[in-house]
Amino acid sequence: MFRNLTALHSLWLDGNNLTFLHPGTFSALSSLRELDLRGNSRLTSLHANAFRGLLNLASLDLSFCNIFEIHPLVFSHLPSLQVLDLGSNNMRYIPEAFRSLPSIARLSLASNHIEAIGRDSLKGLKTLYELNLRKNPIWIIQRDAFTALSGLGVLNLGHNLLSDLPNQLFKGLIRLKTLHLEANRITRVGCSLNSLPCLRTLYLNNNCIAYIAGSAFSHLKQLHFLHLSKNNLSYLPSPVFSGTAKLRYVFLSHNPWNCDCKMLWFPQWRATYKGLVEGLHCAFPALHNRTLLHFVGHEKLPGCLSSSGPAEDSACTDSNASTASRLPAVSDTLLLVVLAWCRWHWARM
């Protein structure tokens, strides 16, 4: 079909009724740089030689199909591929096929049915800069899952089912700049973020966070933007912002803030802070919905008899880790078997 289009650079086949990509279909398109196959809802699997001959392909869009099976060698014919979008498919695990992508920079697996990230799931993706796993039911991340991604700059884990952040969860992400953890089920933030020295933007909004350790952000010297709105926070420990000299945007709204002696430090810190603080309306005691910034001295805060508040908990202790951190390092295949058993067991309860 494409034998006389050897100079073609871009090909759009989106929104059709493709059911199968025959081996060698694109083999004559040696100059092709962009291939768009999104929206072919009848496309469910990818043959090992589906993309044979596309040696110069840089961008491949396979989003909004119904792909659930990918041959381990399907991307081995794409040495120049930099952008791969597999969002909004029916994938239940991260396939081995990504390990044969030596040039990949951006990978999207958003809006699939992935439940776990195994220790070897992301192995071999040394060139990856952006990984989008948004809107999956991920609740298990094995230890050392991200250690191979030393060049990753953007990680999106928003809108998943994560409940805990073990201390070594993000080990290896030494160049990460943006981290999305919004809309999960996180209840506490310990010291799991301290292995991210380059982090600038952090989304923790729309969770269930009730506790943040005093040292939670102490190693985030580059942190510029922090979103903590819509959680269950009633106070913040006084050292929590002590190591964030570059912090310029802090969002704290829609939390049940308790404006008592534990938060006495905040107005004093705010007086010297040069950035934007949004939110922190008092919920307890009843202070007519005023913000804590109205109270600049300990004599104005209800129940404060002196400026010395309670001792702050700033030590780094491991969180009460869930299955995500307690599972031993097992193969990705065994992990899938465990997940299948869990789904069967819960269905019978």
Foldseek 3Di string as FASTA:
>chain_A
DCQPVCQDAEDEPDQDQDQAQDAPNCQSNCNYAYYHHAHNANHAEYDLRSPANPARHAEYEHDNYAYAYYDLNNCLRHQNHAYYEHDHYAHAAQHNNVLNHQRYAEYEHDHYAHAEQALCSCPNPQNYAEYHHHQYQHAAYEANSCQSPLNYAYYAPEQYAHAFQWQRRNANPARHAEYHHAQYAHAEAFQNCLNHQNYAYYHHDHYAHAYYALQNCQNNQNHAEYEHAHYAYQAYALNNCVNHLNHAYYEYAHYAHAQALRHLNPLVVVVPDDHDYHHQFHNPPDDVRHHSNVDNHNVPGPPRPDNDDDDGGRDGDTDPDDNNYPDDRDDPVVVVVVVVVVVVVVVVD
